[in-house]
Amino acid sequence: MENSLKDAGHLRKILTELFSSQSLAVLATYGSGQTYGSVVAFAATTDLKSLLFATTRATRKYDNLTSHPNVALVMDNRTNQETDFHQAVAVTATGTVREVETSERDRFLNLYLSKHPYLRDFVIAPTCALLRVDVDTYYIVSQFQNVMELHIKK
């Protein structure tokens, strides 16, 4: 689905507002013949090309990510009320995950910690990996069944 520049700007605004108001996402990974969901604290880059999260290397999640780097992250603003069917926005971001490289670590670590300062000790531990999802597509669902796509150019 192609987006006009006006539509793309509108979708970017929706994403920016959602990402600034929400701290958690559900990460979907795949491994050992099974999909797996995990709640993660996330942060988005200002250009929306990347989403960041952290995990300990000794987890099923990390094993799955190193074996199968294609992932999906789901973020939403639901309130578990009936009004969600008309007012909530949910976003699925699809892309490929990789560990943040040493050369870019300080920049991405600062971005992540600016949103989640209480996770400092966790994310700077040597057992923790700071991960970056290079987003291919955002699927934005609003008003229960209005689906829009924003394709991210590399």
Foldseek 3Di string as FASTA:
>chain_A
DDDDPVRLVVVLVVVVVQQLVDQWKWKWFDDPNDIDIDIFGWHADSLRQKIKTKDFCPDPVNVRCVVGFWMKIKGKDDDPDPCQLAAIKMKIWIFGKDFDDPVCVVVVVVRSCVSVVVCVVVCVDPRMTMMMGRTQKMWMDHNNHDTDMDGDDD
